[in-house]
Amino acid sequence: MEMRSGKLPVSTSAHTEFIDITSQVRQAVADSGVRDGICCVYNPHTTAGLTINEGADPAVQSDILGVFKEIVPRNYPYRHQEGNSPSHMMTTLTGSSVTVFIESGKLQLGTWQRIFFCEYDGPRSRKVWWKILQG
């Protein structure tokens, strides 16, 4: 099984935000030349996540962040003293990786699906790792 891998830079400008990285991942797939396989995207940061969700209406990302802020209390007596414990909790909710099938050289995302980098402790300069496995 042949593998290709790389890193994508992601710059965030707010404390919490979703950044659509679908086009960057699509470009990595196109550049890889893989026709059929799997694309894994991994985030090595503990205060940021990855998710696949609707990308047509930006209100969806805003709603997700709003709900996260409601269910992850800022005033909980966290023991972690850096002050970013809510960011760690939100990261756990979204997870650190996504996997998408590749068929005929294209990511097999649904009509409205996009891949989002989820910033919970920004603004920051981040990196997202990807690996493509040819099937």
N, C-alpha and C. Protein backbone atom coordinates (compact mmCIF):
# COMPACT_ATOMS: atom_id res chain seq x y z
N MET A 1 0.85 -1.18 0.00
CA MET A 1 0.00 0.00 0.00
C MET A 1 0.89 1.24 0.00
N GLU A 2 0.69 2.08 -0.97
CA GLU A 2 1.48 3.30 -1.11
C GLU A 2 0.86 4.43 -0.29
N MET A 3 1.72 5.26 0.35
CA MET A 3 1.23 6.36 1.17
C MET A 3 1.90 7.67 0.76
N ARG A 4 1.13 8.72 0.86
CA ARG A 4 1.64 10.07 0.68
C ARG A 4 1.19 10.88 1.88
N SER A 5 2.01 11.86 2.28
CA SER A 5 1.64 12.65 3.46
C SER A 5 2.18 14.06 3.35
N GLY A 6 1.64 14.92 4.20
CA GLY A 6 2.10 16.31 4.22
C GLY A 6 1.43 17.07 5.34
N LYS A 7 1.70 18.37 5.36
CA LYS A 7 1.13 19.26 6.38
C LYS A 7 0.51 20.47 5.70
N LEU A 8 -0.59 20.92 6.27
CA LEU A 8 -1.27 22.12 5.78
C LEU A 8 -1.21 23.20 6.85
N PRO A 9 -0.77 24.41 6.50
CA PRO A 9 -0.80 25.49 7.48
C PRO A 9 -2.23 26.02 7.66
N VAL A 10 -2.57 26.35 8.89
CA VAL A 10 -3.88 26.95 9.18
C VAL A 10 -3.64 28.12 10.12
N SER A 11 -4.08 29.30 9.73
CA SER A 11 -3.98 30.49 10.57
C SER A 11 -5.38 30.88 11.00
N THR A 12 -5.55 31.07 12.31
CA THR A 12 -6.86 31.46 12.82
C THR A 12 -6.78 32.90 13.32
N SER A 13 -7.93 33.56 13.32
CA SER A 13 -7.94 34.98 13.69
C SER A 13 -8.87 35.29 14.86
N ALA A 14 -9.51 34.26 15.41
CA ALA A 14 -10.42 34.48 16.54
C ALA A 14 -10.17 33.41 17.60
N HIS A 15 -10.70 33.64 18.79
CA HIS A 15 -10.53 32.66 19.87
C HIS A 15 -11.20 31.33 19.50
N THR A 16 -12.42 31.40 18.98
CA THR A 16 -13.11 30.21 18.49
C THR A 16 -13.61 30.48 17.08
N GLU A 17 -13.33 29.55 16.18
CA GLU A 17 -13.82 29.68 14.81
C GLU A 17 -13.62 28.37 14.07
N PHE A 18 -14.40 28.19 13.02
CA PHE A 18 -14.23 27.06 12.12
C PHE A 18 -13.61 27.58 10.83
N ILE A 19 -12.55 26.92 10.38
CA ILE A 19 -11.87 27.27 9.14
C ILE A 19 -12.10 26.13 8.14
N ASP A 20 -12.67 26.44 7.00
CA ASP A 20 -12.93 25.44 5.97
C ASP A 20 -11.60 25.11 5.28
N ILE A 21 -11.13 23.87 5.43
CA ILE A 21 -9.87 23.44 4.81
C ILE A 21 -10.11 22.45 3.67
N THR A 22 -11.36 22.33 3.23
CA THR A 22 -11.71 21.34 2.20
C THR A 22 -10.89 21.53 0.93
N SER A 23 -10.75 22.75 0.45
CA SER A 23 -10.03 22.97 -0.81
C SER A 23 -8.56 22.58 -0.68
N GLN A 24 -7.95 22.83 0.49
CA GLN A 24 -6.55 22.44 0.70
C GLN A 24 -6.41 20.92 0.70
N VAL A 25 -7.36 20.23 1.32
CA VAL A 25 -7.31 18.76 1.34
C VAL A 25 -7.57 18.21 -0.06
N ARG A 26 -8.51 18.80 -0.76
CA ARG A 26 -8.77 18.38 -2.16
C ARG A 26 -7.52 18.55 -3.01
N GLN A 27 -6.79 19.63 -2.81
CA GLN A 27 -5.57 19.86 -3.58
C GLN A 27 -4.52 18.81 -3.25
N ALA A 28 -4.41 18.45 -1.98
CA ALA A 28 -3.46 17.41 -1.58
C ALA A 28 -3.80 16.08 -2.25
N VAL A 29 -5.09 15.77 -2.33
CA VAL A 29 -5.53 14.54 -3.00
C VAL A 29 -5.19 14.61 -4.48
N ALA A 30 -5.50 15.72 -5.11
CA ALA A 30 -5.20 15.88 -6.55
C ALA A 30 -3.71 15.75 -6.82
N ASP A 31 -2.89 16.41 -6.00
CA ASP A 31 -1.44 16.37 -6.18
C ASP A 31 -0.86 14.97 -5.93
N SER A 32 -1.55 14.18 -5.11
CA SER A 32 -1.05 12.84 -4.79
C SER A 32 -1.15 11.87 -5.96
N GLY A 33 -2.09 12.12 -6.86
CA GLY A 33 -2.31 11.21 -7.97
C GLY A 33 -3.06 9.94 -7.60
N VAL A 34 -3.48 9.82 -6.34
CA VAL A 34 -4.20 8.63 -5.91
C VAL A 34 -5.62 8.67 -6.47
N ARG A 35 -6.03 7.57 -7.08
CA ARG A 35 -7.36 7.48 -7.69
C ARG A 35 -8.38 6.88 -6.71
N ASP A 36 -7.95 5.89 -5.94
CA ASP A 36 -8.84 5.24 -4.99
C ASP A 36 -8.08 4.98 -3.70
N GLY A 37 -8.68 5.35 -2.58
CA GLY A 37 -8.02 5.14 -1.30
C GLY A 37 -8.74 5.87 -0.19
N ILE A 38 -7.95 6.28 0.80
CA ILE A 38 -8.48 6.96 1.98
C ILE A 38 -7.59 8.16 2.28
N CYS A 39 -8.22 9.26 2.63
CA CYS A 39 -7.49 10.45 3.08
C CYS A 39 -7.79 10.65 4.55
N CYS A 40 -6.74 10.61 5.38
CA CYS A 40 -6.86 10.87 6.81
C CYS A 40 -6.28 12.26 7.07
N VAL A 41 -7.02 13.05 7.80
CA VAL A 41 -6.57 14.39 8.19
C VAL A 41 -6.51 14.40 9.71
N TYR A 42 -5.36 14.80 10.25
CA TYR A 42 -5.11 14.72 11.69
C TYR A 42 -4.64 16.07 12.21
N ASN A 43 -5.17 16.44 13.37
CA ASN A 43 -4.80 17.69 14.03
C ASN A 43 -4.00 17.36 15.29
N PRO A 44 -2.73 17.76 15.37
CA PRO A 44 -1.90 17.41 16.53
C PRO A 44 -2.01 18.38 17.71
N HIS A 45 -3.01 19.24 17.70
CA HIS A 45 -3.15 20.26 18.75
C HIS A 45 -4.25 19.88 19.75
N THR A 46 -4.02 20.13 21.03
CA THR A 46 -4.98 19.72 22.06
C THR A 46 -6.09 20.72 22.32
N THR A 47 -6.00 21.90 21.70
CA THR A 47 -7.06 22.89 21.88
C THR A 47 -7.69 23.29 20.55
N ALA A 48 -7.68 22.36 19.61
CA ALA A 48 -8.31 22.55 18.31
C ALA A 48 -8.75 21.18 17.82
N GLY A 49 -9.76 21.15 16.98
CA GLY A 49 -10.28 19.89 16.49
C GLY A 49 -10.50 19.89 15.00
N LEU A 50 -11.08 18.80 14.52
CA LEU A 50 -11.47 18.66 13.13
C LEU A 50 -12.88 18.08 13.09
N THR A 51 -13.65 18.49 12.13
CA THR A 51 -14.98 17.92 11.94
C THR A 51 -15.40 18.04 10.48
N ILE A 52 -16.35 17.23 10.11
CA ILE A 52 -17.00 17.33 8.81
C ILE A 52 -18.44 17.72 9.09
N ASN A 53 -18.89 18.80 8.45
CA ASN A 53 -20.26 19.25 8.64
C ASN A 53 -20.68 20.12 7.46
N GLU A 54 -21.86 20.69 7.56
CA GLU A 54 -22.38 21.50 6.46
C GLU A 54 -21.53 22.74 6.24
N GLY A 55 -21.25 23.03 4.98
CA GLY A 55 -20.46 24.20 4.64
C GLY A 55 -21.22 25.23 3.82
N ALA A 56 -22.47 24.93 3.43
CA ALA A 56 -23.22 25.87 2.60
C ALA A 56 -23.72 27.07 3.38
N ASP A 57 -24.11 26.86 4.62
CA ASP A 57 -24.66 27.93 5.44
C ASP A 57 -23.73 28.17 6.63
N PRO A 58 -23.03 29.32 6.67
CA PRO A 58 -22.11 29.60 7.78
C PRO A 58 -22.81 29.65 9.14
N ALA A 59 -24.13 29.78 9.16
CA ALA A 59 -24.85 29.79 10.43
C ALA A 59 -24.70 28.45 11.15
N VAL A 60 -24.46 27.36 10.40
CA VAL A 60 -24.28 26.06 11.04
C VAL A 60 -23.05 26.07 11.93
N GLN A 61 -21.93 26.58 11.42
CA GLN A 61 -20.71 26.65 12.24
C GLN A 61 -20.91 27.55 13.44
N SER A 62 -21.58 28.66 13.25
CA SER A 62 -21.87 29.58 14.35
C SER A 62 -22.74 28.91 15.40
N ASP A 63 -23.74 28.15 14.94
CA ASP A 63 -24.62 27.44 15.87
C ASP A 63 -23.85 26.38 16.66
N ILE A 64 -22.97 25.63 16.00
CA ILE A 64 -22.19 24.61 16.69
C ILE A 64 -21.33 25.25 17.79
N LEU A 65 -20.63 26.32 17.43
CA LEU A 65 -19.80 27.01 18.43
C LEU A 65 -20.66 27.57 19.57
N GLY A 66 -21.83 28.08 19.25
CA GLY A 66 -22.74 28.60 20.27
C GLY A 66 -23.19 27.51 21.24
N VAL A 67 -23.52 26.34 20.70
CA VAL A 67 -23.94 25.22 21.55
C VAL A 67 -22.77 24.76 22.41
N PHE A 68 -21.57 24.67 21.80
CA PHE A 68 -20.39 24.26 22.58
C PHE A 68 -20.17 25.21 23.76
N LYS A 69 -20.33 26.49 23.53
CA LYS A 69 -20.14 27.46 24.62
C LYS A 69 -21.21 27.31 25.71
N GLU A 70 -22.39 26.84 25.32
CA GLU A 70 -23.46 26.59 26.30
C GLU A 70 -23.18 25.33 27.13
N ILE A 71 -22.66 24.29 26.49
CA ILE A 71 -22.50 23.02 27.22
C ILE A 71 -21.14 22.87 27.89
N VAL A 72 -20.18 23.74 27.54
CA VAL A 72 -18.86 23.71 28.20
C VAL A 72 -18.73 24.98 29.04
N PRO A 73 -18.94 24.85 30.35
CA PRO A 73 -18.94 26.05 31.20
C PRO A 73 -17.55 26.66 31.37
N ARG A 74 -17.48 27.97 31.33
CA ARG A 74 -16.22 28.69 31.59
C ARG A 74 -15.93 28.74 33.09
N ASN A 75 -16.98 28.70 33.90
CA ASN A 75 -16.80 28.88 35.34
C ASN A 75 -16.72 27.56 36.10
N TYR A 76 -16.57 26.45 35.44
CA TYR A 76 -16.37 25.17 36.13
C TYR A 76 -15.03 25.24 36.88
N PRO A 77 -14.91 24.58 38.03
CA PRO A 77 -13.64 24.65 38.78
C PRO A 77 -12.56 23.73 38.18
N TYR A 78 -12.10 24.08 36.97
CA TYR A 78 -11.08 23.30 36.28
C TYR A 78 -9.79 23.28 37.10
N ARG A 79 -9.11 22.17 37.10
CA ARG A 79 -7.83 22.05 37.80
C ARG A 79 -6.66 22.45 36.91
N HIS A 80 -6.81 22.29 35.61
CA HIS A 80 -5.78 22.70 34.66
C HIS A 80 -5.65 24.22 34.75
N GLN A 81 -4.46 24.71 35.06
CA GLN A 81 -4.29 26.12 35.43
C GLN A 81 -3.94 27.05 34.28
N GLU A 82 -3.85 26.56 33.05
CA GLU A 82 -3.50 27.45 31.93
C GLU A 82 -4.63 28.40 31.55
N GLY A 83 -5.84 28.10 31.98
CA GLY A 83 -6.96 28.97 31.64
C GLY A 83 -7.65 28.59 30.35
N ASN A 84 -7.23 27.51 29.71
CA ASN A 84 -7.84 27.11 28.44
C ASN A 84 -8.55 25.76 28.52
N SER A 85 -8.95 25.37 29.71
CA SER A 85 -9.64 24.09 29.87
C SER A 85 -10.89 23.96 29.00
N PRO A 86 -11.73 25.00 28.87
CA PRO A 86 -12.88 24.85 27.97
C PRO A 86 -12.46 24.48 26.53
N SER A 87 -11.32 24.97 26.10
CA SER A 87 -10.82 24.64 24.76
C SER A 87 -10.52 23.15 24.65
N HIS A 88 -9.94 22.58 25.70
CA HIS A 88 -9.66 21.14 25.71
C HIS A 88 -10.96 20.34 25.66
N MET A 89 -11.98 20.79 26.37
CA MET A 89 -13.26 20.09 26.38
C MET A 89 -13.91 20.12 25.00
N MET A 90 -13.89 21.28 24.35
CA MET A 90 -14.48 21.40 23.02
C MET A 90 -13.75 20.52 22.01
N THR A 91 -12.43 20.43 22.15
CA THR A 91 -11.65 19.57 21.27
C THR A 91 -12.09 18.12 21.41
N THR A 92 -12.37 17.71 22.64
CA THR A 92 -12.84 16.35 22.86
C THR A 92 -14.18 16.11 22.16
N LEU A 93 -15.01 17.12 22.09
CA LEU A 93 -16.31 16.98 21.44
C LEU A 93 -16.18 16.76 19.93
N THR A 94 -15.23 17.44 19.29
CA THR A 94 -15.09 17.28 17.84
C THR A 94 -14.11 16.19 17.46
N GLY A 95 -13.12 15.94 18.29
CA GLY A 95 -12.12 14.94 17.94
C GLY A 95 -10.95 15.55 17.19
N SER A 96 -9.95 14.72 16.94
CA SER A 96 -8.71 15.23 16.35
C SER A 96 -8.45 14.75 14.92
N SER A 97 -9.36 13.98 14.34
CA SER A 97 -9.12 13.51 12.97
C SER A 97 -10.42 13.25 12.24
N VAL A 98 -10.31 13.26 10.91
CA VAL A 98 -11.41 12.86 10.04
C VAL A 98 -10.82 11.97 8.94
N THR A 99 -11.64 11.09 8.40
CA THR A 99 -11.23 10.20 7.33
C THR A 99 -12.27 10.28 6.22
N VAL A 100 -11.79 10.42 4.98
CA VAL A 100 -12.69 10.53 3.84
C VAL A 100 -12.22 9.56 2.75
N PHE A 101 -13.15 8.84 2.15
CA PHE A 101 -12.83 7.96 1.03
C PHE A 101 -12.43 8.79 -0.18
N ILE A 102 -11.56 8.23 -0.99
CA ILE A 102 -11.19 8.81 -2.29
C ILE A 102 -11.63 7.83 -3.36
N GLU A 103 -12.42 8.29 -4.32
CA GLU A 103 -12.82 7.49 -5.46
C GLU A 103 -12.64 8.33 -6.72
N SER A 104 -12.05 7.72 -7.73
CA SER A 104 -11.80 8.40 -9.01
C SER A 104 -11.05 9.71 -8.80
N GLY A 105 -10.14 9.73 -7.82
CA GLY A 105 -9.30 10.89 -7.57
C GLY A 105 -9.98 12.02 -6.83
N LYS A 106 -11.19 11.80 -6.29
CA LYS A 106 -11.92 12.87 -5.62
C LYS A 106 -12.36 12.43 -4.22
N LEU A 107 -12.34 13.40 -3.29
CA LEU A 107 -12.88 13.15 -1.96
C LEU A 107 -14.36 12.85 -2.07
N GLN A 108 -14.82 11.86 -1.35
CA GLN A 108 -16.23 11.47 -1.38
C GLN A 108 -17.00 12.11 -0.23
N LEU A 109 -17.11 13.43 -0.31
CA LEU A 109 -17.89 14.18 0.66
C LEU A 109 -19.32 14.31 0.14
N GLY A 110 -20.28 14.40 1.07
CA GLY A 110 -21.66 14.63 0.68
C GLY A 110 -21.83 16.02 0.09
N THR A 111 -22.96 16.25 -0.53
CA THR A 111 -23.23 17.50 -1.24
C THR A 111 -22.91 18.74 -0.41
N TRP A 112 -23.28 18.75 0.85
CA TRP A 112 -23.12 19.94 1.68
C TRP A 112 -21.93 19.84 2.62
N GLN A 113 -21.26 18.70 2.63
CA GLN A 113 -20.18 18.50 3.59
C GLN A 113 -18.90 19.23 3.23
N ARG A 114 -18.25 19.74 4.26
CA ARG A 114 -16.94 20.38 4.16
C ARG A 114 -16.12 19.92 5.36
N ILE A 115 -14.80 20.01 5.23
CA ILE A 115 -13.89 19.66 6.32
C ILE A 115 -13.49 20.94 7.02
N PHE A 116 -13.68 20.97 8.33
CA PHE A 116 -13.39 22.17 9.11
C PHE A 116 -12.31 21.93 10.16
N PHE A 117 -11.36 22.88 10.21
CA PHE A 117 -10.45 22.98 11.35
C PHE A 117 -11.19 23.80 12.38
N CYS A 118 -11.25 23.31 13.61
CA CYS A 118 -12.03 23.94 14.68
C CYS A 118 -11.08 24.55 15.70
N GLU A 119 -10.99 25.85 15.68
CA GLU A 119 -10.12 26.56 16.63
C GLU A 119 -10.90 26.87 17.89
N TYR A 120 -10.31 26.51 19.05
CA TYR A 120 -10.94 26.78 20.33
C TYR A 120 -10.05 27.59 21.27
N ASP A 121 -8.84 27.95 20.82
CA ASP A 121 -7.89 28.65 21.70
C ASP A 121 -7.01 29.58 20.88
N GLY A 122 -7.62 30.31 19.98
CA GLY A 122 -6.86 31.16 19.08
C GLY A 122 -6.83 32.60 19.54
N PRO A 123 -6.34 33.45 18.66
CA PRO A 123 -5.81 33.12 17.33
C PRO A 123 -4.42 32.48 17.41
N ARG A 124 -4.17 31.61 16.44
CA ARG A 124 -2.89 30.89 16.40
C ARG A 124 -2.52 30.50 14.97
N SER A 125 -1.27 30.13 14.82
CA SER A 125 -0.80 29.47 13.59
C SER A 125 -0.69 27.99 13.91
N ARG A 126 -1.37 27.18 13.12
CA ARG A 126 -1.45 25.75 13.38
C ARG A 126 -1.00 24.97 12.15
N LYS A 127 -0.86 23.68 12.33
CA LYS A 127 -0.59 22.77 11.21
C LYS A 127 -1.54 21.59 11.33
N VAL A 128 -2.01 21.13 10.19
CA VAL A 128 -2.84 19.93 10.10
C VAL A 128 -2.08 18.94 9.24
N TRP A 129 -2.00 17.71 9.69
CA TRP A 129 -1.29 16.67 8.94
C TRP A 129 -2.29 15.86 8.14
N TRP A 130 -1.87 15.42 6.97
CA TRP A 130 -2.71 14.54 6.16
C TRP A 130 -1.90 13.36 5.67
N LYS A 131 -2.58 12.26 5.47
CA LYS A 131 -1.96 11.06 4.92
C LYS A 131 -2.97 10.42 3.98
N ILE A 132 -2.51 10.09 2.79
CA ILE A 132 -3.35 9.44 1.79
C ILE A 132 -2.84 8.02 1.57
N LEU A 133 -3.76 7.08 1.74
CA LEU A 133 -3.45 5.66 1.55
C LEU A 133 -4.11 5.19 0.27
N GLN A 134 -3.31 4.69 -0.64
CA GLN A 134 -3.86 4.20 -1.90
C GLN A 134 -4.41 2.79 -1.68
N GLY A 135 -5.64 2.56 -2.13
CA GLY A 135 -6.29 1.26 -1.92
C GLY A 135 -6.24 0.36 -3.11
